[in-house]
Amino acid sequence: MRSIGEKLKYIRKLNKLNQTEFSQTIGISQGALSELEKDKYKPSLDLVIALKMKFDVDLDWF
């Protein structure tokens, strides 16, 4: 099973966005996204909601 960081990176690459573009779309800094993709910490509820709203992410999968 993929980690949350790997899933974030997958969503970003699936939408052909670089870290800067993706982070701006979901409302976090590029540095925070980088740390999330490395699984240094877990995403906030606000971030999870942004992923659902902007990229129609299946929350059961995520």
PDB file of N, CA and C in Angstrom:
ATOM      1  N   MET A   1       0.846  -1.187   0.000  1.00  0.00           N
ATOM      2  CA  MET A   1       0.000   0.000   0.000  1.00  0.00           C
ATOM      3  C   MET A   1       0.891   1.250   0.000  1.00  0.00           C
ATOM      4  N   ARG A   2       0.479   2.227  -0.731  1.00  0.00           N
ATOM      5  CA  ARG A   2       1.228   3.478  -0.802  1.00  0.00           C
ATOM      6  C   ARG A   2       1.038   4.297   0.463  1.00  0.00           C
ATOM      7  N   SER A   3       2.063   5.064   0.793  1.00  0.00           N
ATOM      8  CA  SER A   3       1.965   5.993   1.920  1.00  0.00           C
ATOM      9  C   SER A   3       1.179   7.225   1.470  1.00  0.00           C
ATOM     10  N   ILE A   4       0.804   8.043   2.435  1.00  0.00           N
ATOM     11  CA  ILE A   4       0.080   9.275   2.114  1.00  0.00           C
ATOM     12  C   ILE A   4       0.950  10.179   1.230  1.00  0.00           C
ATOM     13  N   GLY A   5       2.222  10.265   1.535  1.00  0.00           N
ATOM     14  CA  GLY A   5       3.128  11.074   0.725  1.00  0.00           C
ATOM     15  C   GLY A   5       3.202  10.595  -0.714  1.00  0.00           C
ATOM     16  N   GLU A   6       3.270   9.278  -0.897  1.00  0.00           N
ATOM     17  CA  GLU A   6       3.305   8.717  -2.251  1.00  0.00           C
ATOM     18  C   GLU A   6       2.000   8.997  -2.992  1.00  0.00           C
ATOM     19  N   LYS A   7       0.887   8.958  -2.273  1.00  0.00           N
ATOM     20  CA  LYS A   7      -0.404   9.242  -2.895  1.00  0.00           C
ATOM     21  C   LYS A   7      -0.512  10.708  -3.300  1.00  0.00           C
ATOM     22  N   LEU A   8       0.003  11.604  -2.460  1.00  0.00           N
ATOM     23  CA  LEU A   8       0.017  13.027  -2.827  1.00  0.00           C
ATOM     24  C   LEU A   8       0.824  13.247  -4.098  1.00  0.00           C
ATOM     25  N   LYS A   9       1.990  12.631  -4.155  1.00  0.00           N
ATOM     26  CA  LYS A   9       2.844  12.766  -5.331  1.00  0.00           C
ATOM     27  C   LYS A   9       2.154  12.182  -6.565  1.00  0.00           C
ATOM     28  N   TYR A  10       1.470  11.062  -6.393  1.00  0.00           N
ATOM     29  CA  TYR A  10       0.741  10.437  -7.491  1.00  0.00           C
ATOM     30  C   TYR A  10      -0.342  11.379  -8.028  1.00  0.00           C
ATOM     31  N   ILE A  11      -1.120  11.980  -7.133  1.00  0.00           N
ATOM     32  CA  ILE A  11      -2.179  12.918  -7.535  1.00  0.00           C
ATOM     33  C   ILE A  11      -1.564  14.092  -8.296  1.00  0.00           C
ATOM     34  N   ARG A  12      -0.456  14.613  -7.772  1.00  0.00           N
ATOM     35  CA  ARG A  12       0.213  15.752  -8.408  1.00  0.00           C
ATOM     36  C   ARG A  12       0.693  15.393  -9.816  1.00  0.00           C
ATOM     37  N   LYS A  13       1.353  14.265  -9.953  1.00  0.00           N
ATOM     38  CA  LYS A  13       1.887  13.870 -11.256  1.00  0.00           C
ATOM     39  C   LYS A  13       0.773  13.499 -12.232  1.00  0.00           C
ATOM     40  N   LEU A  14      -0.297  12.889 -11.727  1.00  0.00           N
ATOM     41  CA  LEU A  14      -1.433  12.543 -12.560  1.00  0.00           C
ATOM     42  C   LEU A  14      -2.028  13.799 -13.210  1.00  0.00           C
ATOM     43  N   ASN A  15      -1.993  14.903 -12.475  1.00  0.00           N
ATOM     44  CA  ASN A  15      -2.519  16.178 -12.971  1.00  0.00           C
ATOM     45  C   ASN A  15      -1.463  17.034 -13.648  1.00  0.00           C
ATOM     46  N   LYS A  16      -0.280  16.463 -13.851  1.00  0.00           N
ATOM     47  CA  LYS A  16       0.827  17.116 -14.563  1.00  0.00           C
ATOM     48  C   LYS A  16       1.182  18.481 -13.976  1.00  0.00           C
ATOM     49  N   LEU A  17       1.298  18.510 -12.646  1.00  0.00           N
ATOM     50  CA  LEU A  17       1.649  19.743 -11.946  1.00  0.00           C
ATOM     51  C   LEU A  17       2.998  19.570 -11.256  1.00  0.00           C
ATOM     52  N   ASN A  18       3.768  20.654 -11.215  1.00  0.00           N
ATOM     53  CA  ASN A  18       4.984  20.603 -10.410  1.00  0.00           C
ATOM     54  C   ASN A  18       4.600  20.920  -8.963  1.00  0.00           C
ATOM     55  N   GLN A  19       5.571  20.814  -8.059  1.00  0.00           N
ATOM     56  CA  GLN A  19       5.260  21.030  -6.642  1.00  0.00           C
ATOM     57  C   GLN A  19       4.717  22.426  -6.379  1.00  0.00           C
ATOM     58  N   THR A  20       5.260  23.420  -7.026  1.00  0.00           N
ATOM     59  CA  THR A  20       4.816  24.793  -6.811  1.00  0.00           C
ATOM     60  C   THR A  20       3.363  24.978  -7.249  1.00  0.00           C
ATOM     61  N   GLU A  21       3.034  24.504  -8.439  1.00  0.00           N
ATOM     62  CA  GLU A  21       1.662  24.636  -8.951  1.00  0.00           C
ATOM     63  C   GLU A  21       0.670  23.877  -8.070  1.00  0.00           C
ATOM     64  N   PHE A  22       1.019  22.650  -7.708  1.00  0.00           N
ATOM     65  CA  PHE A  22       0.132  21.813  -6.899  1.00  0.00           C
ATOM     66  C   PHE A  22      -0.077  22.422  -5.518  1.00  0.00           C
ATOM     67  N   SER A  23       1.006  22.890  -4.910  1.00  0.00           N
ATOM     68  CA  SER A  23       0.891  23.460  -3.567  1.00  0.00           C
ATOM     69  C   SER A  23       0.034  24.725  -3.580  1.00  0.00           C
ATOM     70  N   GLN A  24       0.158  25.550  -4.608  1.00  0.00           N
ATOM     71  CA  GLN A  24      -0.672  26.745  -4.708  1.00  0.00           C
ATOM     72  C   GLN A  24      -2.147  26.371  -4.873  1.00  0.00           C
ATOM     73  N   THR A  25      -2.414  25.329  -5.626  1.00  0.00           N
ATOM     74  CA  THR A  25      -3.789  24.889  -5.863  1.00  0.00           C
ATOM     75  C   THR A  25      -4.457  24.421  -4.577  1.00  0.00           C
ATOM     76  N   ILE A  26      -3.700  23.739  -3.710  1.00  0.00           N
ATOM     77  CA  ILE A  26      -4.290  23.203  -2.480  1.00  0.00           C
ATOM     78  C   ILE A  26      -4.057  24.091  -1.266  1.00  0.00           C
ATOM     79  N   GLY A  27      -3.379  25.208  -1.460  1.00  0.00           N
ATOM     80  CA  GLY A  27      -3.266  26.212  -0.401  1.00  0.00           C
ATOM     81  C   GLY A  27      -2.200  25.977   0.647  1.00  0.00           C
ATOM     82  N   ILE A  28      -1.075  25.365   0.252  1.00  0.00           N
ATOM     83  CA  ILE A  28       0.057  25.206   1.176  1.00  0.00           C
ATOM     84  C   ILE A  28       1.322  25.662   0.472  1.00  0.00           C
ATOM     85  N   SER A  29       2.404  25.782   1.217  1.00  0.00           N
ATOM     86  CA  SER A  29       3.665  26.189   0.602  1.00  0.00           C
ATOM     87  C   SER A  29       4.313  24.997  -0.109  1.00  0.00           C
ATOM     88  N   GLN A  30       5.202  25.306  -1.032  1.00  0.00           N
ATOM     89  CA  GLN A  30       5.920  24.248  -1.751  1.00  0.00           C
ATOM     90  C   GLN A  30       6.758  23.432  -0.772  1.00  0.00           C
ATOM     91  N   GLY A  31       7.341  24.084   0.202  1.00  0.00           N
ATOM     92  CA  GLY A  31       8.148  23.388   1.205  1.00  0.00           C
ATOM     93  C   GLY A  31       7.320  22.415   2.025  1.00  0.00           C
ATOM     94  N   ALA A  32       6.115  22.838   2.395  1.00  0.00           N
ATOM     95  CA  ALA A  32       5.217  21.953   3.148  1.00  0.00           C
ATOM     96  C   ALA A  32       4.828  20.742   2.302  1.00  0.00           C
ATOM     97  N   LEU A  33       4.556  20.960   1.026  1.00  0.00           N
ATOM     98  CA  LEU A  33       4.223  19.851   0.141  1.00  0.00           C
ATOM     99  C   LEU A  33       5.386  18.875   0.040  1.00  0.00           C
ATOM    100  N   SER A  34       6.577  19.398  -0.100  1.00  0.00           N
ATOM    101  CA  SER A  34       7.754  18.543  -0.172  1.00  0.00           C
ATOM    102  C   SER A  34       7.876  17.666   1.074  1.00  0.00           C
ATOM    103  N   GLU A  35       7.664  18.259   2.241  1.00  0.00           N
ATOM    104  CA  GLU A  35       7.732  17.506   3.496  1.00  0.00           C
ATOM    105  C   GLU A  35       6.616  16.452   3.569  1.00  0.00           C
ATOM    106  N   LEU A  36       5.421  16.796   3.104  1.00  0.00           N
ATOM    107  CA  LEU A  36       4.314  15.843   3.086  1.00  0.00           C
ATOM    108  C   LEU A  36       4.616  14.667   2.158  1.00  0.00           C
ATOM    109  N   GLU A  37       5.180  14.967   0.982  1.00  0.00           N
ATOM    110  CA  GLU A  37       5.498  13.900   0.032  1.00  0.00           C
ATOM    111  C   GLU A  37       6.581  12.971   0.576  1.00  0.00           C
ATOM    112  N   LYS A  38       7.400  13.463   1.476  1.00  0.00           N
ATOM    113  CA  LYS A  38       8.441  12.644   2.112  1.00  0.00           C
ATOM    114  C   LYS A  38       7.940  11.955   3.382  1.00  0.00           C
ATOM    115  N   ASP A  39       6.634  12.116   3.658  1.00  0.00           N
ATOM    116  CA  ASP A  39       5.997  11.515   4.843  1.00  0.00           C
ATOM    117  C   ASP A  39       6.604  11.993   6.157  1.00  0.00           C
ATOM    118  N   LYS A  40       7.032  13.248   6.186  1.00  0.00           N
ATOM    119  CA  LYS A  40       7.586  13.795   7.424  1.00  0.00           C
ATOM    120  C   LYS A  40       6.485  14.146   8.419  1.00  0.00           C
ATOM    121  N   TYR A  41       5.283  14.422   7.908  1.00  0.00           N
ATOM    122  CA  TYR A  41       4.131  14.620   8.775  1.00  0.00           C
ATOM    123  C   TYR A  41       2.854  14.332   7.997  1.00  0.00           C
ATOM    124  N   LYS A  42       1.742  14.279   8.695  1.00  0.00           N
ATOM    125  CA  LYS A  42       0.446  13.954   8.095  1.00  0.00           C
ATOM    126  C   LYS A  42      -0.261  15.233   7.641  1.00  0.00           C
ATOM    127  N   PRO A  43      -1.076  15.139   6.574  1.00  0.00           N
ATOM    128  CA  PRO A  43      -1.798  16.319   6.095  1.00  0.00           C
ATOM    129  C   PRO A  43      -2.905  16.732   7.060  1.00  0.00           C
ATOM    130  N   SER A  44      -3.203  18.007   7.063  1.00  0.00           N
ATOM    131  CA  SER A  44      -4.287  18.536   7.895  1.00  0.00           C
ATOM    132  C   SER A  44      -5.637  18.183   7.270  1.00  0.00           C
ATOM    133  N   LEU A  45      -6.676  18.321   8.051  1.00  0.00           N
ATOM    134  CA  LEU A  45      -8.029  18.088   7.547  1.00  0.00           C
ATOM    135  C   LEU A  45      -8.349  19.075   6.427  1.00  0.00           C
ATOM    136  N   ASP A  46      -7.911  20.323   6.566  1.00  0.00           N
ATOM    137  CA  ASP A  46      -8.137  21.329   5.515  1.00  0.00           C
ATOM    138  C   ASP A  46      -7.510  20.896   4.190  1.00  0.00           C
ATOM    139  N   LEU A  47      -6.327  20.313   4.261  1.00  0.00           N
ATOM    140  CA  LEU A  47      -5.653  19.848   3.048  1.00  0.00           C
ATOM    141  C   LEU A  47      -6.419  18.684   2.428  1.00  0.00           C
ATOM    142  N   VAL A  48      -6.876  17.766   3.235  1.00  0.00           N
ATOM    143  CA  VAL A  48      -7.642  16.622   2.735  1.00  0.00           C
ATOM    144  C   VAL A  48      -8.922  17.104   2.049  1.00  0.00           C
ATOM    145  N   ILE A  49      -9.580  18.071   2.640  1.00  0.00           N
ATOM    146  CA  ILE A  49     -10.801  18.631   2.035  1.00  0.00           C
ATOM    147  C   ILE A  49     -10.463  19.317   0.710  1.00  0.00           C
ATOM    148  N   ALA A  50      -9.352  20.049   0.661  1.00  0.00           N
ATOM    149  CA  ALA A  50      -8.934  20.708  -0.582  1.00  0.00           C
ATOM    150  C   ALA A  50      -8.672  19.678  -1.680  1.00  0.00           C
ATOM    151  N   LEU A  51      -8.054  18.560  -1.331  1.00  0.00           N
ATOM    152  CA  LEU A  51      -7.798  17.507  -2.315  1.00  0.00           C
ATOM    153  C   LEU A  51      -9.112  16.934  -2.853  1.00  0.00           C
ATOM    154  N   LYS A  52     -10.062  16.746  -1.966  1.00  0.00           N
ATOM    155  CA  LYS A  52     -11.369  16.221  -2.381  1.00  0.00           C
ATOM    156  C   LYS A  52     -12.084  17.215  -3.295  1.00  0.00           C
ATOM    157  N   MET A  53     -12.083  18.479  -2.919  1.00  0.00           N
ATOM    158  CA  MET A  53     -12.815  19.493  -3.674  1.00  0.00           C
ATOM    159  C   MET A  53     -12.163  19.802  -5.027  1.00  0.00           C
ATOM    160  N   LYS A  54     -10.853  19.918  -5.064  1.00  0.00           N
ATOM    161  CA  LYS A  54     -10.174  20.370  -6.281  1.00  0.00           C
ATOM    162  C   LYS A  54      -9.773  19.234  -7.220  1.00  0.00           C
ATOM    163  N   PHE A  55      -9.554  18.027  -6.661  1.00  0.00           N
ATOM    164  CA  PHE A  55      -9.093  16.911  -7.492  1.00  0.00           C
ATOM    165  C   PHE A  55      -9.996  15.685  -7.400  1.00  0.00           C
ATOM    166  N   ASP A  56     -11.133  15.809  -6.715  1.00  0.00           N
ATOM    167  CA  ASP A  56     -12.107  14.724  -6.561  1.00  0.00           C
ATOM    168  C   ASP A  56     -11.440  13.431  -6.081  1.00  0.00           C
ATOM    169  N   VAL A  57     -10.595  13.565  -5.068  1.00  0.00           N
ATOM    170  CA  VAL A  57      -9.880  12.426  -4.509  1.00  0.00           C
ATOM    171  C   VAL A  57     -10.847  11.580  -3.685  1.00  0.00           C
ATOM    172  N   ASP A  58     -10.816  10.280  -3.907  1.00  0.00           N
ATOM    173  CA  ASP A  58     -11.619   9.347  -3.108  1.00  0.00           C
ATOM    174  C   ASP A  58     -11.001   9.261  -1.720  1.00  0.00           C
ATOM    175  N   LEU A  59     -11.704   9.729  -0.726  1.00  0.00           N
ATOM    176  CA  LEU A  59     -11.147   9.784   0.626  1.00  0.00           C
ATOM    177  C   LEU A  59     -10.898   8.402   1.209  1.00  0.00           C
ATOM    178  N   ASP A  60     -11.655   7.396   0.789  1.00  0.00           N
ATOM    179  CA  ASP A  60     -11.378   6.032   1.242  1.00  0.00           C
ATOM    180  C   ASP A  60     -10.021   5.552   0.729  1.00  0.00           C
ATOM    181  N   TRP A  61      -9.694   5.908  -0.513  1.00  0.00           N
ATOM    182  CA  TRP A  61      -8.392   5.552  -1.088  1.00  0.00           C
ATOM    183  C   TRP A  61      -7.265   6.321  -0.409  1.00  0.00           C
ATOM    184  N   PHE A  62      -7.513   7.600  -0.178  1.00  0.00           N
ATOM    185  CA  PHE A  62      -6.477   8.459   0.385  1.00  0.00           C
ATOM    186  C   PHE A  62      -6.207   8.089   1.828  1.00  0.00           C
TER     187      PHE A  62
END
